[in-house]
PDB file of N, CA and C in Angstrom:
ATOM      1  N   UNK A   1    -116.078  54.700  16.003  1.00  0.00           N
ATOM      2  CA  UNK A   1    -115.531  53.447  15.570  1.00  0.00           C
ATOM      3  C   UNK A   1    -114.104  53.747  15.114  1.00  0.00           C
ATOM      4  N   UNK A   2    -114.001  54.855  14.286  1.00  0.00           N
ATOM      5  CA  UNK A   2    -112.608  55.190  13.955  1.00  0.00           C
ATOM      6  C   UNK A   2    -111.674  55.628  15.206  1.00  0.00           C
ATOM      7  N   UNK A   3    -112.231  56.059  16.169  1.00  0.00           N
ATOM      8  CA  UNK A   3    -111.286  56.457  17.158  1.00  0.00           C
ATOM      9  C   UNK A   3    -110.849  55.101  17.987  1.00  0.00           C
ATOM     10  N   UNK A   4    -111.865  54.234  17.980  1.00  0.00           N
ATOM     11  CA  UNK A   4    -111.444  52.572  18.548  1.00  0.00           C
ATOM     12  C   UNK A   4    -110.311  52.026  17.807  1.00  0.00           C
ATOM     13  N   UNK A   5    -110.368  52.171  16.612  1.00  0.00           N
ATOM     14  CA  UNK A   5    -109.345  51.552  15.775  1.00  0.00           C
ATOM     15  C   UNK A   5    -108.104  52.138  15.961  1.00  0.00           C
ATOM     16  N   UNK A   6    -108.076  53.509  15.853  1.00  0.00           N
ATOM     17  CA  UNK A   6    -106.958  54.352  16.272  1.00  0.00           C
ATOM     18  C   UNK A   6    -106.229  53.889  17.673  1.00  0.00           C
ATOM     19  N   UNK A   7    -107.058  53.852  18.413  1.00  0.00           N
ATOM     20  CA  UNK A   7    -106.823  53.634  19.851  1.00  0.00           C
ATOM     21  C   UNK A   7    -106.067  52.150  19.908  1.00  0.00           C
ATOM     22  N   UNK A   8    -106.857  51.194  19.465  1.00  0.00           N
ATOM     23  CA  UNK A   8    -106.174  49.734  19.116  1.00  0.00           C
ATOM     24  C   UNK A   8    -104.938  49.657  18.478  1.00  0.00           C
ATOM     25  N   UNK A   9    -104.807  50.409  17.252  1.00  0.00           N
ATOM     26  CA  UNK A   9    -103.362  50.535  16.668  1.00  0.00           C
ATOM     27  C   UNK A   9    -102.370  51.033  17.270  1.00  0.00           C
ATOM     28  N   UNK A  10    -102.705  52.135  18.259  1.00  0.00           N
ATOM     29  CA  UNK A  10    -101.617  52.697  18.966  1.00  0.00           C
ATOM     30  C   UNK A  10    -101.323  51.725  20.005  1.00  0.00           C
ATOM     31  N   UNK A  11    -102.223  51.085  20.618  1.00  0.00           N
ATOM     32  CA  UNK A  11    -101.948  50.008  21.768  1.00  0.00           C
ATOM     33  C   UNK A  11    -101.089  49.114  21.360  1.00  0.00           C
ATOM     34  N   UNK A  12    -101.287  48.323  20.095  1.00  0.00           N
ATOM     35  CA  UNK A  12    -100.671  47.446  19.432  1.00  0.00           C
ATOM     36  C   UNK A  12     -99.188  48.007  19.177  1.00  0.00           C
ATOM     37  N   UNK A  13     -99.046  49.115  18.794  1.00  0.00           N
ATOM     38  CA  UNK A  13     -97.756  49.654  18.357  1.00  0.00           C
ATOM     39  C   UNK A  13     -96.820  49.677  19.435  1.00  0.00           C
ATOM     40  N   UNK A  14     -97.382  50.503  20.624  1.00  0.00           N
ATOM     41  CA  UNK A  14     -96.897  50.458  21.855  1.00  0.00           C
ATOM     42  C   UNK A  14     -96.363  49.081  22.583  1.00  0.00           C
ATOM     43  N   UNK A  15     -97.375  48.239  22.425  1.00  0.00           N
ATOM     44  CA  UNK A  15     -96.943  46.940  22.899  1.00  0.00           C
ATOM     45  C   UNK A  15     -95.619  46.212  22.189  1.00  0.00           C
ATOM     46  N   UNK A  16     -95.766  46.402  21.021  1.00  0.00           N
ATOM     47  CA  UNK A  16     -94.498  45.811  20.067  1.00  0.00           C
ATOM     48  C   UNK A  16     -93.424  46.677  20.627  1.00  0.00           C
ATOM     49  N   UNK A  17     -93.450  48.070  20.857  1.00  0.00           N
ATOM     50  CA  UNK A  17     -92.078  48.454  21.145  1.00  0.00           C
ATOM     51  C   UNK A  17     -91.664  48.193  22.370  1.00  0.00           C
ATOM     52  N   UNK A  18     -92.767  48.124  23.427  1.00  0.00           N
ATOM     53  CA  UNK A  18     -92.219  47.592  24.720  1.00  0.00           C
ATOM     54  C   UNK A  18     -91.625  46.396  24.773  1.00  0.00           C
ATOM     55  N   UNK A  19     -92.189  45.340  24.043  1.00  0.00           N
ATOM     56  CA  UNK A  19     -91.733  43.945  23.956  1.00  0.00           C
ATOM     57  C   UNK A  19     -90.344  43.990  23.354  1.00  0.00           C
ATOM     58  N   UNK A  20     -90.047  44.984  22.425  1.00  0.00           N
ATOM     59  CA  UNK A  20     -88.616  44.839  21.701  1.00  0.00           C
ATOM     60  C   UNK A  20     -87.659  45.470  22.756  1.00  0.00           C
ATOM     61  N   UNK A  21     -88.088  46.382  23.434  1.00  0.00           N
ATOM     62  CA  UNK A  21     -87.076  46.880  24.400  1.00  0.00           C
ATOM     63  C   UNK A  21     -86.858  46.093  25.686  1.00  0.00           C
ATOM     64  N   UNK A  22     -87.658  45.002  25.881  1.00  0.00           N
ATOM     65  CA  UNK A  22     -87.362  44.144  27.108  1.00  0.00           C
ATOM     66  C   UNK A  22     -86.235  43.321  26.929  1.00  0.00           C
ATOM     67  N   UNK A  23     -85.872  42.881  27.969  1.00  0.00           N
ATOM     68  CA  UNK A  23     -84.467  42.030  28.155  1.00  0.00           C
ATOM     69  C   UNK A  23     -84.899  40.391  27.676  1.00  0.00           C
ATOM     70  N   UNK A  24     -84.065  39.927  27.183  1.00  0.00           N
ATOM     71  CA  UNK A  24     -84.398  38.757  26.592  1.00  0.00           C
ATOM     72  C   UNK A  24     -84.443  37.446  27.744  1.00  0.00           C
ATOM     73  N   UNK A  25     -85.037  36.507  27.544  1.00  0.00           N
ATOM     74  CA  UNK A  25     -85.300  35.666  28.690  1.00  0.00           C
ATOM     75  C   UNK A  25     -83.977  34.992  29.068  1.00  0.00           C
ATOM     76  N   UNK A  26     -83.692  34.677  30.376  1.00  0.00           N
ATOM     77  CA  UNK A  26     -82.217  34.186  30.779  1.00  0.00           C
ATOM     78  C   UNK A  26     -82.298  32.805  30.393  1.00  0.00           C
ATOM     79  N   UNK A  27     -81.297  32.314  29.812  1.00  0.00           N
ATOM     80  CA  UNK A  27     -80.974  30.789  29.508  1.00  0.00           C
ATOM     81  C   UNK A  27     -80.071  30.227  30.377  1.00  0.00           C
ATOM     82  N   UNK A  28     -80.200  29.152  31.012  1.00  0.00           N
ATOM     83  CA  UNK A  28     -79.126  28.330  31.792  1.00  0.00           C
ATOM     84  C   UNK A  28     -78.336  27.628  31.017  1.00  0.00           C
ATOM     85  N   UNK A  29     -77.139  28.039  31.349  1.00  0.00           N
ATOM     86  CA  UNK A  29     -75.956  27.483  30.731  1.00  0.00           C
ATOM     87  C   UNK A  29     -75.222  26.550  31.678  1.00  0.00           C
ATOM     88  N   UNK A  30     -74.875  25.399  31.282  1.00  0.00           N
ATOM     89  CA  UNK A  30     -73.970  24.589  32.253  1.00  0.00           C
ATOM     90  C   UNK A  30     -72.670  24.591  31.632  1.00  0.00           C
ATOM     91  N   UNK A  31     -71.766  24.702  32.674  1.00  0.00           N
ATOM     92  CA  UNK A  31     -70.249  24.769  32.264  1.00  0.00           C
ATOM     93  C   UNK A  31     -69.975  23.213  32.221  1.00  0.00           C
ATOM     94  N   UNK A  32     -69.169  22.871  31.096  1.00  0.00           N
ATOM     95  CA  UNK A  32     -68.706  21.355  30.804  1.00  0.00           C
ATOM     96  C   UNK A  32     -67.907  21.090  31.894  1.00  0.00           C
ATOM     97  N   UNK A  33     -68.031  19.750  32.471  1.00  0.00           N
ATOM     98  CA  UNK A  33     -67.527  19.296  33.543  1.00  0.00           C
ATOM     99  C   UNK A  33     -66.047  18.807  32.991  1.00  0.00           C
ATOM    100  N   UNK A  34     -65.061  19.084  33.821  1.00  0.00           N
ATOM    101  CA  UNK A  34     -63.754  18.493  33.144  1.00  0.00           C
ATOM    102  C   UNK A  34     -63.486  17.105  34.050  1.00  0.00           C
ATOM    103  N   UNK A  35     -62.680  16.348  33.473  1.00  0.00           N
ATOM    104  CA  UNK A  35     -62.408  15.000  34.148  1.00  0.00           C
ATOM    105  C   UNK A  35     -61.655  15.182  35.294  1.00  0.00           C
ATOM    106  N   UNK A  36     -61.664  14.250  36.186  1.00  0.00           N
ATOM    107  CA  UNK A  36     -60.898  14.338  37.443  1.00  0.00           C
ATOM    108  C   UNK A  36     -59.358  14.578  37.428  1.00  0.00           C
ATOM    109  N   UNK A  37     -58.965  14.200  36.261  1.00  0.00           N
ATOM    110  CA  UNK A  37     -57.336  14.097  36.087  1.00  0.00           C
ATOM    111  C   UNK A  37     -57.025  15.719  35.699  1.00  0.00           C
ATOM    112  N   UNK A  38     -57.930  16.408  35.063  1.00  0.00           N
ATOM    113  CA  UNK A  38     -57.741  17.783  34.671  1.00  0.00           C
ATOM    114  C   UNK A  38     -58.084  18.766  35.719  1.00  0.00           C
ATOM    115  N   UNK A  39     -58.982  18.227  36.783  1.00  0.00           N
ATOM    116  CA  UNK A  39     -59.258  19.276  37.710  1.00  0.00           C
ATOM    117  C   UNK A  39     -58.259  19.788  38.687  1.00  0.00           C
ATOM    118  N   UNK A  40     -57.115  19.133  38.809  1.00  0.00           N
ATOM    119  CA  UNK A  40     -56.193  19.560  39.903  1.00  0.00           C
ATOM    120  C   UNK A  40     -55.086  20.407  39.127  1.00  0.00           C
ATOM    121  N   UNK A  41     -55.045  20.353  37.787  1.00  0.00           N
ATOM    122  CA  UNK A  41     -54.025  21.152  37.020  1.00  0.00           C
ATOM    123  C   UNK A  41     -54.634  22.386  37.079  1.00  0.00           C
ATOM    124  N   UNK A  42     -53.591  23.366  37.182  1.00  0.00           N
ATOM    125  CA  UNK A  42     -53.639  24.735  37.037  1.00  0.00           C
ATOM    126  C   UNK A  42     -53.675  25.031  35.646  1.00  0.00           C
ATOM    127  N   UNK A  43     -54.476  26.101  35.045  1.00  0.00           N
ATOM    128  CA  UNK A  43     -54.469  26.583  33.563  1.00  0.00           C
ATOM    129  C   UNK A  43     -53.037  27.179  33.259  1.00  0.00           C
ATOM    130  N   UNK A  44     -52.796  26.837  32.146  1.00  0.00           N
ATOM    131  CA  UNK A  44     -51.425  27.199  31.604  1.00  0.00           C
ATOM    132  C   UNK A  44     -51.555  28.864  31.344  1.00  0.00           C
ATOM    133  N   UNK A  45     -50.596  29.798  31.673  1.00  0.00           N
ATOM    134  CA  UNK A  45     -50.390  30.943  31.497  1.00  0.00           C
ATOM    135  C   UNK A  45     -50.334  31.395  30.098  1.00  0.00           C
ATOM    136  N   UNK A  46     -51.037  32.441  29.550  1.00  0.00           N
ATOM    137  CA  UNK A  46     -50.937  32.980  28.297  1.00  0.00           C
ATOM    138  C   UNK A  46     -49.616  33.715  27.991  1.00  0.00           C
ATOM    139  N   UNK A  47     -48.950  33.294  26.825  1.00  0.00           N
ATOM    140  CA  UNK A  47     -47.728  33.909  26.737  1.00  0.00           C
ATOM    141  C   UNK A  47     -47.830  35.634  26.573  1.00  0.00           C
ATOM    142  N   UNK A  48     -46.988  36.212  26.995  1.00  0.00           N
ATOM    143  CA  UNK A  48     -46.913  37.525  27.211  1.00  0.00           C
ATOM    144  C   UNK A  48     -46.838  38.268  25.751  1.00  0.00           C
ATOM    145  N   UNK A  49     -47.563  39.311  25.438  1.00  0.00           N
ATOM    146  CA  UNK A  49     -47.852  39.733  23.992  1.00  0.00           C
ATOM    147  C   UNK A  49     -47.955  41.263  24.175  1.00  0.00           C
ATOM    148  N   UNK A  50     -47.150  41.984  23.545  1.00  0.00           N
ATOM    149  CA  UNK A  50     -47.238  43.409  23.578  1.00  0.00           C
ATOM    150  C   UNK A  50     -48.513  43.631  22.829  1.00  0.00           C
ATOM    151  N   UNK A  51     -49.269  44.688  23.418  1.00  0.00           N
ATOM    152  CA  UNK A  51     -50.332  45.293  23.021  1.00  0.00           C
ATOM    153  C   UNK A  51     -50.321  46.871  22.983  1.00  0.00           C
ATOM    154  N   UNK A  52     -50.749  47.512  21.996  1.00  0.00           N
ATOM    155  CA  UNK A  52     -50.669  48.830  21.932  1.00  0.00           C
ATOM    156  C   UNK A  52     -52.177  49.335  22.168  1.00  0.00           C
ATOM    157  N   UNK A  53     -52.266  50.260  23.151  1.00  0.00           N
ATOM    158  CA  UNK A  53     -53.604  51.094  23.704  1.00  0.00           C
ATOM    159  C   UNK A  53     -53.737  52.287  23.066  1.00  0.00           C
ATOM    160  N   UNK A  54     -54.818  52.826  22.650  1.00  0.00           N
ATOM    161  CA  UNK A  54     -55.027  54.130  22.194  1.00  0.00           C
ATOM    162  C   UNK A  54     -55.970  54.628  22.768  1.00  0.00           C
ATOM    163  N   UNK A  55     -55.890  55.902  23.286  1.00  0.00           N
ATOM    164  CA  UNK A  55     -57.095  56.603  23.930  1.00  0.00           C
ATOM    165  C   UNK A  55     -56.892  57.803  23.356  1.00  0.00           C
ATOM    166  N   UNK A  56     -58.238  58.416  23.313  1.00  0.00           N
ATOM    167  CA  UNK A  56     -58.702  59.921  23.082  1.00  0.00           C
ATOM    168  C   UNK A  56     -58.882  60.467  24.420  1.00  0.00           C
ATOM    169  N   UNK A  57     -58.668  61.721  24.539  1.00  0.00           N
ATOM    170  CA  UNK A  57     -58.885  62.569  25.652  1.00  0.00           C
ATOM    171  C   UNK A  57     -59.439  63.942  25.275  1.00  0.00           C
ATOM    172  N   UNK A  58     -60.221  64.597  26.002  1.00  0.00           N
ATOM    173  CA  UNK A  58     -60.726  65.776  25.408  1.00  0.00           C
ATOM    174  C   UNK A  58     -59.910  67.030  26.398  1.00  0.00           C
ATOM    175  N   UNK A  59     -58.714  66.565  27.192  1.00  0.00           N
ATOM    176  CA  UNK A  59     -57.915  67.336  28.064  1.00  0.00           C
ATOM    177  C   UNK A  59     -56.562  67.624  27.056  1.00  0.00           C
ATOM    178  N   UNK A  60     -56.219  68.862  27.211  1.00  0.00           N
ATOM    179  CA  UNK A  60     -54.798  69.225  26.618  1.00  0.00           C
ATOM    180  C   UNK A  60     -53.982  68.570  27.613  1.00  0.00           C
ATOM    181  N   UNK A  61     -52.544  68.686  27.314  1.00  0.00           N
ATOM    182  CA  UNK A  61     -51.426  68.106  28.168  1.00  0.00           C
ATOM    183  C   UNK A  61     -51.399  68.848  29.284  1.00  0.00           C
ATOM    184  N   UNK A  62     -51.326  70.217  29.223  1.00  0.00           N
ATOM    185  CA  UNK A  62     -51.050  70.804  30.563  1.00  0.00           C
ATOM    186  C   UNK A  62     -52.190  70.976  31.488  1.00  0.00           C
ATOM    187  N   UNK A  63     -53.350  70.469  31.525  1.00  0.00           N
ATOM    188  CA  UNK A  63     -54.455  70.452  32.195  1.00  0.00           C
ATOM    189  C   UNK A  63     -54.214  69.445  33.413  1.00  0.00           C
ATOM    190  N   UNK A  64     -54.931  69.878  34.455  1.00  0.00           N
ATOM    191  CA  UNK A  64     -54.929  68.815  35.703  1.00  0.00           C
ATOM    192  C   UNK A  64     -55.529  67.245  35.489  1.00  0.00           C
ATOM    193  N   UNK A  65     -56.631  67.390  34.684  1.00  0.00           N
ATOM    194  CA  UNK A  65     -57.144  66.141  34.364  1.00  0.00           C
ATOM    195  C   UNK A  65     -56.220  65.277  33.556  1.00  0.00           C
ATOM    196  N   UNK A  66     -55.631  65.974  32.661  1.00  0.00           N
ATOM    197  CA  UNK A  66     -54.756  65.058  31.651  1.00  0.00           C
ATOM    198  C   UNK A  66     -53.449  64.609  32.491  1.00  0.00           C
ATOM    199  N   UNK A  67     -53.025  65.542  33.468  1.00  0.00           N
ATOM    200  CA  UNK A  67     -51.988  64.958  34.408  1.00  0.00           C
ATOM    201  C   UNK A  67     -52.293  63.761  35.324  1.00  0.00           C
ATOM    202  N   UNK A  68     -53.638  63.837  35.731  1.00  0.00           N
ATOM    203  CA  UNK A  68     -54.168  62.789  36.599  1.00  0.00           C
ATOM    204  C   UNK A  68     -53.922  61.212  35.534  1.00  0.00           C
ATOM    205  N   UNK A  69     -54.726  61.604  34.461  1.00  0.00           N
ATOM    206  CA  UNK A  69     -54.756  60.440  33.423  1.00  0.00           C
ATOM    207  C   UNK A  69     -53.329  60.041  33.097  1.00  0.00           C
ATOM    208  N   UNK A  70     -52.441  60.596  32.820  1.00  0.00           N
ATOM    209  CA  UNK A  70     -51.087  60.385  32.367  1.00  0.00           C
ATOM    210  C   UNK A  70     -50.310  59.405  33.704  1.00  0.00           C
ATOM    211  N   UNK A  71     -50.834  60.066  34.780  1.00  0.00           N
ATOM    212  CA  UNK A  71     -50.129  59.433  35.976  1.00  0.00           C
ATOM    213  C   UNK A  71     -50.768  57.859  36.263  1.00  0.00           C
ATOM    214  N   UNK A  72     -52.145  57.908  35.756  1.00  0.00           N
ATOM    215  CA  UNK A  72     -52.875  56.497  36.058  1.00  0.00           C
ATOM    216  C   UNK A  72     -51.961  55.721  34.708  1.00  0.00           C
ATOM    217  N   UNK A  73     -51.848  56.135  33.549  1.00  0.00           N
ATOM    218  CA  UNK A  73     -51.227  55.390  32.501  1.00  0.00           C
ATOM    219  C   UNK A  73     -49.828  54.851  32.935  1.00  0.00           C
ATOM    220  N   UNK A  74     -48.885  55.844  33.602  1.00  0.00           N
ATOM    221  CA  UNK A  74     -47.677  55.447  34.015  1.00  0.00           C
ATOM    222  C   UNK A  74     -47.683  54.189  35.148  1.00  0.00           C
ATOM    223  N   UNK A  75     -48.614  54.408  35.942  1.00  0.00           N
ATOM    224  CA  UNK A  75     -48.932  53.301  36.906  1.00  0.00           C
ATOM    225  C   UNK A  75     -49.110  51.847  36.240  1.00  0.00           C
ATOM    226  N   UNK A  76     -50.133  52.143  35.141  1.00  0.00           N
ATOM    227  CA  UNK A  76     -50.377  50.988  34.430  1.00  0.00           C
ATOM    228  C   UNK A  76     -49.307  50.333  33.887  1.00  0.00           C
ATOM    229  N   UNK A  77     -48.453  51.028  33.063  1.00  0.00           N
ATOM    230  CA  UNK A  77     -47.464  50.528  32.370  1.00  0.00           C
ATOM    231  C   UNK A  77     -46.158  50.205  33.188  1.00  0.00           C
ATOM    232  N   UNK A  78     -46.206  50.464  34.593  1.00  0.00           N
ATOM    233  CA  UNK A  78     -44.936  50.086  35.256  1.00  0.00           C
ATOM    234  C   UNK A  78     -44.862  48.533  35.704  1.00  0.00           C
ATOM    235  N   UNK A  79     -43.714  48.069  35.486  1.00  0.00           N
ATOM    236  CA  UNK A  79     -43.878  46.744  35.587  1.00  0.00           C
ATOM    237  C   UNK A  79     -44.186  46.074  37.048  1.00  0.00           C
ATOM    238  N   UNK A  80     -44.845  45.131  37.172  1.00  0.00           N
ATOM    239  CA  UNK A  80     -45.277  44.769  38.227  1.00  0.00           C
ATOM    240  C   UNK A  80     -44.733  43.549  38.877  1.00  0.00           C
ATOM    241  N   UNK A  81     -44.177  43.401  40.094  1.00  0.00           N
ATOM    242  CA  UNK A  81     -43.746  42.213  40.487  1.00  0.00           C
ATOM    243  C   UNK A  81     -44.804  41.301  41.461  1.00  0.00           C
ATOM    244  N   UNK A  82     -44.798  40.172  41.237  1.00  0.00           N
ATOM    245  CA  UNK A  82     -45.705  39.243  41.361  1.00  0.00           C
ATOM    246  C   UNK A  82     -44.997  37.958  42.395  1.00  0.00           C
ATOM    247  N   UNK A  83     -44.965  38.125  43.652  1.00  0.00           N
ATOM    248  CA  UNK A  83     -44.281  37.187  44.581  1.00  0.00           C
ATOM    249  C   UNK A  83     -45.142  35.878  44.413  1.00  0.00           C
ATOM    250  N   UNK A  84     -44.088  34.691  44.512  1.00  0.00           N
ATOM    251  CA  UNK A  84     -44.579  33.449  44.109  1.00  0.00           C
ATOM    252  C   UNK A  84     -45.263  33.064  45.565  1.00  0.00           C
ATOM    253  N   UNK A  85     -46.580  32.585  45.429  1.00  0.00           N
ATOM    254  CA  UNK A  85     -47.283  31.942  46.305  1.00  0.00           C
ATOM    255  C   UNK A  85     -46.651  30.707  47.037  1.00  0.00           C
ATOM    256  N   UNK A  86     -46.688  30.543  48.287  1.00  0.00           N
ATOM    257  CA  UNK A  86     -46.260  29.284  48.969  1.00  0.00           C
ATOM    258  C   UNK A  86     -47.375  28.218  49.059  1.00  0.00           C
TER     259      UNK A  86
END
């Protein structure tokens, strides 16, 4: 009888743990509908704002991977030209 109680307790604990690790139920969300007058307008572009990004790397400056990361950073920081669409 004691073994049955221990087995039942272990099964209950395991089921609670598995239920806690499960994904939450998906909820449907509906996007609010915009009035017809606003549907044709393009959204306003946000004002440009300077942002400082800080990253940590495990490579020293002279290593190949650090050079590759620096190349990616330089490409990211380069000014981009966006041609107007017709």
